[in-house]
C-alpha atoms as a PDB file:
ATOM      1  CA  MET A   1      19.861  37.787  11.488  1.00  0.00           C
ATOM      2  CA  ASN A   2      16.553  38.064   8.480  1.00  0.00           C
ATOM      3  CA  SER A   3      18.937  37.165   5.765  1.00  0.00           C
ATOM      4  CA  LEU A   4      22.122  35.544   4.834  1.00  0.00           C
ATOM      5  CA  ILE A   5      23.695  37.504   1.049  1.00  0.00           C
ATOM      6  CA  GLY A   6      26.872  35.928   0.169  1.00  0.00           C
ATOM      7  CA  VAL A   7      28.033  37.438  -3.215  1.00  0.00           C
ATOM      8  CA  LEU A   8      31.021  35.807  -4.273  1.00  0.00           C
ATOM      9  CA  ARG A   9      33.591  37.309  -6.366  1.00  0.00           C
ATOM     10  CA  LEU A  10      36.903  35.465  -7.383  1.00  0.00           C
ATOM     11  CA  ALA A  11      39.999  36.336  -9.021  1.00  0.00           C
ATOM     12  CA  ALA A  12      41.802  34.668 -11.057  1.00  0.00           C
ATOM     13  CA  ALA A  13      44.882  35.971 -12.851  1.00  0.00           C
ATOM     14  CA  ALA A  14      43.951  38.904 -14.497  1.00  0.00           C
ATOM     15  CA  ASN A  15      40.131  38.334 -14.638  1.00  0.00           C
ATOM     16  CA  SER A  16      37.367  39.020 -12.042  1.00  0.00           C
ATOM     17  CA  ILE A  17      35.261  35.589 -12.115  1.00  0.00           C
ATOM     18  CA  VAL A  18      31.593  36.202 -10.535  1.00  0.00           C
ATOM     19  CA  LEU A  19      31.508  32.752  -8.851  1.00  0.00           C
ATOM     20  CA  ALA A  20      27.401  33.142  -7.141  1.00  0.00           C
ATOM     21  CA  HIS A  21      25.684  35.099  -5.943  1.00  0.00           C
ATOM     22  CA  PHE A  22      22.258  34.250  -3.647  1.00  0.00           C
ATOM     23  CA  VAL A  23      19.902  34.789  -0.834  1.00  0.00           C
ATOM     24  CA  LEU A  24      19.713  32.313   1.695  1.00  0.00           C
ATOM     25  CA  ALA A  25      16.408  33.846   3.948  1.00  0.00           C
ATOM     26  CA  LEU A  26      16.744  32.560   7.604  1.00  0.00           C
ATOM     27  CA  SER A  27      14.720  33.213   9.822  1.00  0.00           C
ATOM     28  CA  GLY A  28      16.401  33.732  13.295  1.00  0.00           C
ATOM     29  CA  ALA A  29      18.281  30.902  15.188  1.00  0.00           C
ATOM     30  CA  ALA A  30      17.757  27.424  14.561  1.00  0.00           C
ATOM     31  CA  SER A  31      15.754  25.254  17.206  1.00  0.00           C
ATOM     32  CA  ALA A  32      17.679  21.963  17.049  1.00  0.00           C
ATOM     33  CA  HIS A  33      15.624  19.214  14.687  1.00  0.00           C
ATOM     34  CA  THR A  34      16.303  15.865  13.356  1.00  0.00           C
ATOM     35  CA  THR A  35      16.008  13.511  10.017  1.00  0.00           C
ATOM     36  CA  SER A  36      14.003  10.116  11.117  1.00  0.00           C
ATOM     37  CA  SER A  37      15.707   7.003  10.497  1.00  0.00           C
ATOM     38  CA  LYS A  38      13.651   6.512   7.770  1.00  0.00           C
ATOM     39  CA  ASP A  39      16.010   8.833   5.939  1.00  0.00           C
ATOM     40  CA  PRO A  40      16.556   7.242   2.579  1.00  0.00           C
ATOM     41  CA  GLY A  41      19.838   9.319   2.069  1.00  0.00           C
ATOM     42  CA  MET A  42      18.840  12.814   0.745  1.00  0.00           C
ATOM     43  CA  GLU A  43      21.686  14.483   1.046  1.00  0.00           C
ATOM     44  CA  GLY A  44      23.315  15.678  -1.873  1.00  0.00           C
ATOM     45  CA  LEU A  45      23.040  18.223  -4.461  1.00  0.00           C
ATOM     46  CA  TYR A  46      20.135  18.464  -7.536  1.00  0.00           C
ATOM     47  CA  GLU A  47      19.289  20.094 -10.344  1.00  0.00           C
ATOM     48  CA  ASP A  48      16.168  20.922 -12.645  1.00  0.00           C
ATOM     49  CA  GLY A  49      15.401  23.024 -15.201  1.00  0.00           C
ATOM     50  CA  ARG A  50      15.467  26.023 -13.227  1.00  0.00           C
ATOM     51  CA  GLY A  51      18.378  25.337 -11.126  1.00  0.00           C
ATOM     52  CA  VAL A  52      20.219  23.800  -8.302  1.00  0.00           C
ATOM     53  CA  ALA A  53      19.738  22.857  -4.871  1.00  0.00           C
ATOM     54  CA  ALA A  54      21.124  20.651  -1.614  1.00  0.00           C
ATOM     55  CA  ILE A  55      20.029  19.019   0.817  1.00  0.00           C
ATOM     56  CA  ALA A  56      23.244  19.111   3.370  1.00  0.00           C
ATOM     57  CA  PRO A  57      23.663  19.318   7.235  1.00  0.00           C
ATOM     58  CA  PHE A  58      24.697  22.734   8.506  1.00  0.00           C
ATOM     59  CA  ALA A  59      25.779  22.518  11.876  1.00  0.00           C
ATOM     60  CA  GLU A  60      25.999  26.059  12.740  1.00  0.00           C
ATOM     61  CA  PHE A  61      22.050  26.589  12.515  1.00  0.00           C
ATOM     62  CA  GLY A  62      20.846  23.020  14.209  1.00  0.00           C
ATOM     63  CA  GLU A  63      21.098  19.378  14.576  1.00  0.00           C
ATOM     64  CA  GLY A  64      19.928  17.200  10.613  1.00  0.00           C
ATOM     65  CA  LEU A  65      19.380  18.258   7.831  1.00  0.00           C
ATOM     66  CA  PHE A  66      18.863  21.310   5.760  1.00  0.00           C
ATOM     67  CA  PHE A  67      17.026  22.059   2.647  1.00  0.00           C
ATOM     68  CA  ILE A  68      18.729  25.047   0.175  1.00  0.00           C
ATOM     69  CA  ASP A  69      17.013  26.254  -2.985  1.00  0.00           C
ATOM     70  CA  TYR A  70      19.954  28.449  -5.087  1.00  0.00           C
ATOM     71  CA  VAL A  71      17.685  29.843  -7.110  1.00  0.00           C
ATOM     72  CA  SER A  72      14.758  31.179  -4.511  1.00  0.00           C
ATOM     73  CA  GLY A  73      17.156  31.819  -2.105  1.00  0.00           C
ATOM     74  CA  ARG A  74      15.096  29.297   0.231  1.00  0.00           C
ATOM     75  CA  ILE A  75      15.914  27.253   3.037  1.00  0.00           C
ATOM     76  CA  GLY A  76      14.125  25.334   5.785  1.00  0.00           C
ATOM     77  CA  PRO A  77      14.945  22.361   7.996  1.00  0.00           C
ATOM     78  CA  VAL A  78      14.695  18.586   6.654  1.00  0.00           C
ATOM     79  CA  ILE A  79      11.572  17.740   8.976  1.00  0.00           C
ATOM     80  CA  SER A  80      10.655  14.076   9.588  1.00  0.00           C
ATOM     81  CA  LYS A  81       7.316  12.841   9.827  1.00  0.00           C
ATOM     82  CA  ALA A  82       4.974   9.778  10.356  1.00  0.00           C
ATOM     83  CA  ASP A  83       4.561   9.500   6.157  1.00  0.00           C
ATOM     84  CA  GLY A  84       7.254  11.306   4.930  1.00  0.00           C
ATOM     85  CA  PHE A  85       9.720  14.134   5.373  1.00  0.00           C
ATOM     86  CA  ALA A  86       8.656  18.559   4.968  1.00  0.00           C
ATOM     87  CA  ILE A  87      10.863  21.322   4.077  1.00  0.00           C
ATOM     88  CA  GLY A  88      10.769  23.464   7.052  1.00  0.00           C
ATOM     89  CA  ASN A  89       9.433  27.173   6.674  1.00  0.00           C
ATOM     90  CA  GLY A  90      12.538  28.424   8.499  1.00  0.00           C
ATOM     91  CA  LEU A  91      14.726  27.640  10.819  1.00  0.00           C
ATOM     92  CA  LYS A  92      13.275  29.554  14.022  1.00  0.00           C
ATOM     93  CA  ASP A  93       9.964  27.589  13.612  1.00  0.00           C
ATOM     94  CA  THR A  94      10.936  23.756  12.746  1.00  0.00           C
ATOM     95  CA  LYS A  95       7.388  22.837  13.668  1.00  0.00           C
ATOM     96  CA  GLY A  96       5.606  25.024  10.136  1.00  0.00           C
ATOM     97  CA  GLU A  97       6.024  22.908   6.808  1.00  0.00           C
ATOM     98  CA  ALA A  98       6.620  24.953   3.495  1.00  0.00           C
ATOM     99  CA  GLY A  99       5.861  21.817   1.637  1.00  0.00           C
ATOM    100  CA  PRO A 100       6.718  18.507   1.161  1.00  0.00           C
ATOM    101  CA  LEU A 101       9.647  16.346  -0.164  1.00  0.00           C
ATOM    102  CA  VAL A 102      10.162  12.794  -1.433  1.00  0.00           C
ATOM    103  CA  PRO A 103      12.587  11.260  -2.836  1.00  0.00           C
ATOM    104  CA  THR A 104      12.488   9.719  -5.715  1.00  0.00           C
ATOM    105  CA  ALA A 105      13.359   7.092  -8.307  1.00  0.00           C
ATOM    106  CA  ILE A 106      16.072   9.983  -9.695  1.00  0.00           C
ATOM    107  CA  GLY A 107      16.148  12.589  -6.806  1.00  0.00           C
ATOM    108  CA  LEU A 108      13.425  14.106  -4.995  1.00  0.00           C
ATOM    109  CA  ASP A 109      10.101  16.143  -5.969  1.00  0.00           C
ATOM    110  CA  ALA A 110      10.050  19.747  -3.453  1.00  0.00           C
ATOM    111  CA  THR A 111       7.189  21.422  -3.111  1.00  0.00           C
ATOM    112  CA  TYR A 112       7.109  24.996  -1.203  1.00  0.00           C
ATOM    113  CA  ASP A 113       5.809  28.725  -1.591  1.00  0.00           C
ATOM    114  CA  GLY A 114       2.673  26.968  -4.404  1.00  0.00           C
ATOM    115  CA  GLU A 115       5.376  25.643  -6.280  1.00  0.00           C
ATOM    116  CA  ARG A 116       5.771  21.773  -7.026  1.00  0.00           C
ATOM    117  CA  ARG A 117       9.334  21.817  -8.550  1.00  0.00           C
ATOM    118  CA  ALA A 118      11.406  17.932  -9.742  1.00  0.00           C
ATOM    119  CA  PHE A 119      15.219  17.676  -9.284  1.00  0.00           C
ATOM    120  CA  ARG A 120      17.265  15.024 -10.102  1.00  0.00           C
ATOM    121  CA  LYS A 121      20.241  14.557  -8.486  1.00  0.00           C
ATOM    122  CA  ILE A 122      24.052  15.402  -9.599  1.00  0.00           C
ATOM    123  CA  ALA A 123      26.793  12.361  -8.969  1.00  0.00           C
ATOM    124  CA  VAL A 124      28.920  14.127  -6.562  1.00  0.00           C
ATOM    125  CA  ASN A 125      32.542  12.911  -4.953  1.00  0.00           C
ATOM    126  CA  ARG A 126      33.978  12.765  -1.783  1.00  0.00           C
ATOM    127  CA  GLU A 127      36.967  11.933  -0.642  1.00  0.00           C
ATOM    128  CA  PRO A 128      38.159  11.917   2.587  1.00  0.00           C
ATOM    129  CA  PHE A 129      42.037  12.876   3.221  1.00  0.00           C
ATOM    130  CA  VAL A 130      44.216  13.000   6.396  1.00  0.00           C
ATOM    131  CA  VAL A 131      46.781  16.037   6.039  1.00  0.00           C
ATOM    132  CA  ALA A 132      49.561  16.771   8.457  1.00  0.00           C
ATOM    133  CA  PRO A 133      51.069  20.104   8.334  1.00  0.00           C
ATOM    134  CA  GLY A 134      53.672  19.270  11.096  1.00  0.00           C
ATOM    135  CA  SER A 135      52.587  17.823  13.905  1.00  0.00           C
ATOM    136  CA  VAL A 136      48.840  17.781  13.939  1.00  0.00           C
ATOM    137  CA  LYS A 137      47.192  15.710  11.721  1.00  0.00           C
ATOM    138  CA  LEU A 138      44.316  17.879   9.800  1.00  0.00           C
ATOM    139  CA  ALA A 139      40.995  15.711   8.100  1.00  0.00           C
ATOM    140  CA  GLY A 140      38.407  16.868   5.865  1.00  0.00           C
ATOM    141  CA  ASP A 141      36.560  15.867   2.300  1.00  0.00           C
ATOM    142  CA  LEU A 142      37.810  16.799  -1.699  1.00  0.00           C
ATOM    143  CA  VAL A 143      34.450  16.834  -2.891  1.00  0.00           C
ATOM    144  CA  ARG A 144      33.672  17.265  -6.671  1.00  0.00           C
ATOM    145  CA  ARG A 145      31.181  16.512  -9.211  1.00  0.00           C
ATOM    146  CA  ALA A 146      31.247  13.094 -10.711  1.00  0.00           C
ATOM    147  CA  GLY A 147      32.077  13.101 -14.663  1.00  0.00           C
ATOM    148  CA  ILE A 148      33.479  16.692 -15.547  1.00  0.00           C
ATOM    149  CA  ALA A 149      36.617  18.111 -15.170  1.00  0.00           C
ATOM    150  CA  SER A 150      37.690  20.305 -12.650  1.00  0.00           C
ATOM    151  CA  LYS A 151      37.795  23.986 -12.795  1.00  0.00           C
ATOM    152  CA  GLY A 152      40.197  24.308  -9.904  1.00  0.00           C
ATOM    153  CA  VAL A 153      39.842  23.952  -6.468  1.00  0.00           C
ATOM    154  CA  VAL A 154      38.731  26.314  -3.436  1.00  0.00           C
ATOM    155  CA  VAL A 155      40.146  25.436   0.514  1.00  0.00           C
ATOM    156  CA  ILE A 156      37.454  25.991   2.506  1.00  0.00           C
ATOM    157  CA  VAL A 157      39.143  28.992   6.028  1.00  0.00           C
ATOM    158  CA  GLN A 158      37.618  28.160   9.091  1.00  0.00           C
ATOM    159  CA  GLY A 159      36.333  30.863  11.148  1.00  0.00           C
ATOM    160  CA  SER A 160      37.025  31.563  15.237  1.00  0.00           C
ATOM    161  CA  ASN A 161      36.363  28.502  17.638  1.00  0.00           C
ATOM    162  CA  ASP A 162      36.185  24.696  16.882  1.00  0.00           C
ATOM    163  CA  SER A 163      35.044  23.983  13.189  1.00  0.00           C
ATOM    164  CA  THR A 164      34.289  20.664  11.385  1.00  0.00           C
ATOM    165  CA  ARG A 165      33.648  20.308   7.984  1.00  0.00           C
ATOM    166  CA  ASP A 166      29.870  19.691   8.486  1.00  0.00           C
ATOM    167  CA  VAL A 167      29.289  23.424   9.026  1.00  0.00           C
ATOM    168  CA  TYR A 168      29.865  24.415   5.717  1.00  0.00           C
ATOM    169  CA  GLY A 169      27.581  22.317   3.282  1.00  0.00           C
ATOM    170  CA  PRO A 170      25.682  25.253   1.311  1.00  0.00           C
ATOM    171  CA  TRP A 171      29.053  27.226  -0.165  1.00  0.00           C
ATOM    172  CA  VAL A 172      30.457  23.477  -0.860  1.00  0.00           C
ATOM    173  CA  TYR A 173      27.370  22.163  -2.466  1.00  0.00           C
ATOM    174  CA  TYR A 174      26.951  25.754  -4.670  1.00  0.00           C
ATOM    175  CA  LEU A 175      30.381  25.635  -5.870  1.00  0.00           C
ATOM    176  CA  VAL A 176      30.767  21.847  -6.601  1.00  0.00           C
ATOM    177  CA  ALA A 177      27.668  22.538  -8.561  1.00  0.00           C
ATOM    178  CA  ARG A 178      29.307  24.469 -10.785  1.00  0.00           C
ATOM    179  CA  GLY A 179      32.494  22.374 -11.392  1.00  0.00           C
ATOM    180  CA  TRP A 180      34.997  23.246  -8.263  1.00  0.00           C
ATOM    181  CA  THR A 181      36.609  20.879  -6.455  1.00  0.00           C
ATOM    182  CA  VAL A 182      36.260  21.824  -2.827  1.00  0.00           C
ATOM    183  CA  ALA A 183      38.448  21.017  -0.325  1.00  0.00           C
ATOM    184  CA  VAL A 184      37.042  21.094   2.858  1.00  0.00           C
ATOM    185  CA  TYR A 185      38.134  20.329   6.193  1.00  0.00           C
ATOM    186  CA  ASP A 186      37.410  20.016  10.618  1.00  0.00           C
ATOM    187  CA  LYS A 187      40.180  22.910  12.047  1.00  0.00           C
ATOM    188  CA  ARG A 188      42.927  21.380  14.292  1.00  0.00           C
ATOM    189  CA  GLY A 189      41.201  20.466  17.227  1.00  0.00           C
ATOM    190  CA  SER A 190      38.306  19.545  15.530  1.00  0.00           C
ATOM    191  CA  GLY A 191      35.583  17.297  14.827  1.00  0.00           C
ATOM    192  CA  GLU A 192      38.564  14.874  13.261  1.00  0.00           C
ATOM    193  CA  SER A 193      41.631  16.566  13.093  1.00  0.00           C
ATOM    194  CA  THR A 194      44.453  16.572  16.023  1.00  0.00           C
ATOM    195  CA  GLY A 195      45.601  19.482  17.624  1.00  0.00           C
ATOM    196  CA  ASP A 196      44.519  22.569  19.286  1.00  0.00           C
ATOM    197  CA  TRP A 197      43.271  25.686  17.843  1.00  0.00           C
ATOM    198  CA  ARG A 198      43.415  27.504  21.171  1.00  0.00           C
ATOM    199  CA  LYS A 199      47.277  27.222  21.298  1.00  0.00           C
ATOM    200  CA  GLY A 200      47.220  27.521  17.723  1.00  0.00           C
ATOM    201  CA  ASP A 201      48.605  31.064  16.275  1.00  0.00           C
ATOM    202  CA  PHE A 202      47.460  32.772  13.050  1.00  0.00           C
ATOM    203  CA  THR A 203      51.089  32.275  11.258  1.00  0.00           C
ATOM    204  CA  GLU A 204      49.858  28.133  12.392  1.00  0.00           C
ATOM    205  CA  LEU A 205      46.657  28.361  10.597  1.00  0.00           C
ATOM    206  CA  ALA A 206      47.627  29.951   8.209  1.00  0.00           C
ATOM    207  CA  ALA A 207      50.157  26.769   6.799  1.00  0.00           C
ATOM    208  CA  ASP A 208      47.188  24.762   7.732  1.00  0.00           C
ATOM    209  CA  ALA A 209      45.023  25.728   5.075  1.00  0.00           C
ATOM    210  CA  ARG A 210      47.966  26.193   3.165  1.00  0.00           C
ATOM    211  CA  ALA A 211      49.212  22.369   3.499  1.00  0.00           C
ATOM    212  CA  VAL A 212      45.118  21.546   2.684  1.00  0.00           C
ATOM    213  CA  GLY A 213      45.963  23.966  -1.180  1.00  0.00           C
ATOM    214  CA  ALA A 214      48.978  22.135  -1.354  1.00  0.00           C
ATOM    215  CA  PHE A 215      47.957  18.823  -1.046  1.00  0.00           C
ATOM    216  CA  ALA A 216      45.012  19.321  -3.712  1.00  0.00           C
ATOM    217  CA  ARG A 217      46.803  20.929  -6.214  1.00  0.00           C
ATOM    218  CA  GLY A 218      48.948  17.938  -6.548  1.00  0.00           C
ATOM    219  CA  LYS A 219      46.379  15.133  -5.891  1.00  0.00           C
ATOM    220  CA  LEU A 220      44.369  16.699  -8.624  1.00  0.00           C
ATOM    221  CA  ASN A 221      47.624  16.966 -11.376  1.00  0.00           C
ATOM    222  CA  LEU A 222      45.177  21.024 -11.899  1.00  0.00           C
ATOM    223  CA  GLY A 223      48.375  22.275 -13.887  1.00  0.00           C
ATOM    224  CA  SER A 224      47.563  26.061 -14.009  1.00  0.00           C
ATOM    225  CA  LYS A 225      44.015  26.132 -13.160  1.00  0.00           C
ATOM    226  CA  PRO A 226      43.660  27.784  -9.875  1.00  0.00           C
ATOM    227  CA  VAL A 227      43.679  26.995  -6.032  1.00  0.00           C
ATOM    228  CA  GLY A 228      42.380  29.333  -3.853  1.00  0.00           C
ATOM    229  CA  MET A 229      41.073  30.228  -0.136  1.00  0.00           C
ATOM    230  CA  LEU A 230      37.023  31.310   0.238  1.00  0.00           C
ATOM    231  CA  GLY A 231      36.911  31.721   4.540  1.00  0.00           C
ATOM    232  CA  ILE A 232      34.531  33.873   6.773  1.00  0.00           C
ATOM    233  CA  SER A 233      35.187  35.619   9.735  1.00  0.00           C
ATOM    234  CA  GLN A 234      38.816  34.835  11.294  1.00  0.00           C
ATOM    235  CA  ALA A 235      39.408  33.209   8.145  1.00  0.00           C
ATOM    236  CA  GLY A 236      39.666  37.247   6.521  1.00  0.00           C
ATOM    237  CA  TRP A 237      43.352  37.020   8.739  1.00  0.00           C
ATOM    238  CA  VAL A 238      44.025  33.903   7.950  1.00  0.00           C
ATOM    239  CA  MET A 239      43.971  33.425   4.174  1.00  0.00           C
ATOM    240  CA  PRO A 240      46.002  36.756   3.698  1.00  0.00           C
ATOM    241  CA  LEU A 241      48.791  34.539   5.709  1.00  0.00           C
ATOM    242  CA  ALA A 242      47.721  31.483   3.610  1.00  0.00           C
ATOM    243  CA  ALA A 243      49.406  33.464   0.144  1.00  0.00           C
ATOM    244  CA  GLN A 244      52.115  34.817   1.328  1.00  0.00           C
ATOM    245  CA  GLY A 245      53.964  31.836   2.052  1.00  0.00           C
ATOM    246  CA  GLY A 246      52.537  29.191  -1.090  1.00  0.00           C
ATOM    247  CA  ARG A 247      50.934  29.714  -4.318  1.00  0.00           C
ATOM    248  CA  LEU A 248      47.516  31.178  -4.515  1.00  0.00           C
ATOM    249  CA  ASP A 249      44.833  32.629  -7.175  1.00  0.00           C
ATOM    250  CA  PHE A 250      42.722  33.985  -5.311  1.00  0.00           C
ATOM    251  CA  ILE A 251      40.485  34.739  -1.941  1.00  0.00           C
ATOM    252  CA  VAL A 252      37.900  35.253  -1.031  1.00  0.00           C
ATOM    253  CA  SER A 253      36.694  37.141   2.261  1.00  0.00           C
ATOM    254  CA  LEU A 254      33.043  36.640   3.846  1.00  0.00           C
ATOM    255  CA  ALA A 255      32.509  38.859   6.047  1.00  0.00           C
ATOM    256  CA  GLY A 256      36.404  39.177   7.401  1.00  0.00           C
ATOM    257  CA  ALA A 257      37.305  42.089   9.184  1.00  0.00           C
ATOM    258  CA  ALA A 258      38.321  45.073   7.962  1.00  0.00           C
ATOM    259  CA  VAL A 259      40.625  45.967  10.431  1.00  0.00           C
ATOM    260  CA  THR A 260      43.655  44.484  12.655  1.00  0.00           C
ATOM    261  CA  PRO A 261      42.626  41.914  15.414  1.00  0.00           C
ATOM    262  CA  ALA A 262      43.800  44.397  18.730  1.00  0.00           C
ATOM    263  CA  GLN A 263      41.154  47.132  17.122  1.00  0.00           C
ATOM    264  CA  GLN A 264      38.595  44.558  16.678  1.00  0.00           C
ATOM    265  CA  THR A 265      39.480  43.381  19.784  1.00  0.00           C
ATOM    266  CA  LEU A 266      39.420  46.796  21.564  1.00  0.00           C
ATOM    267  CA  GLN A 267      35.783  47.344  19.997  1.00  0.00           C
ATOM    268  CA  LEU A 268      34.924  44.924  21.213  1.00  0.00           C
ATOM    269  CA  VAL A 269      35.920  45.665  24.437  1.00  0.00           C
ATOM    270  CA  GLU A 270      34.632  48.486  24.093  1.00  0.00           C
ATOM    271  CA  GLY A 271      31.009  47.865  23.442  1.00  0.00           C
ATOM    272  CA  GLN A 272      31.428  45.645  26.148  1.00  0.00           C
ATOM    273  CA  LEU A 273      32.144  48.014  28.644  1.00  0.00           C
ATOM    274  CA  GLN A 274      28.979  50.415  27.264  1.00  0.00           C
ATOM    275  CA  GLY A 275      26.448  47.642  27.470  1.00  0.00           C
ATOM    276  CA  LEU A 276      27.285  46.859  31.632  1.00  0.00           C
END
């Protein structure tokens, strides 16, 4: 994959709200990398006069932290060096460096693509929670920007296979920067959540997502402010089921299937047989 283009359109009541249009330049699959024990707690959300950036885990593309600039689309691993830190040129070649990354008293200095940026750190509240729909316990975080009133809640709904909250760092911080509270949780049977996603059907996964949304709405006392869901891949089937059984104001489906699960499975098997 050379690029990941996300267009988030959230429909609240009768109005269509364009939340984001961003391009993350990805140079193929990630090599594993780690940050040093000297890491001074750089993870978080940052801003300057041009826009917002984040340093976050992104488990789908490897271990450690990644630098994401939501304006330019620059994304690369945080590389630890003997004399400090650097931003990687891309996810495929973690040895290449786009430029140094220097923590400061108020945020960090980042140099890449021939330009130096001085970012201020944005205060973010992260509140752990546990929700128990039925016999499972779902562990997650409510993440919101400190000091401002929330616009509403976005619940992150997972794709297929196991999935922990660390996978969705770039989406979480993007939404939080714009005033949304994000409820992100470990899929049942992943991370700190109990149960087994292999034995849970779409109805049960939808109930999980609905329970997290209901918890967030009650916890934050949102009143008439919207609560919606953003999900990837398999979530395109799960989120409409969640909406049928609970109060939901919008759905954002990223790479969701346009056919039924049975049709997609038949297409997958056909492709596999043709490749033999």
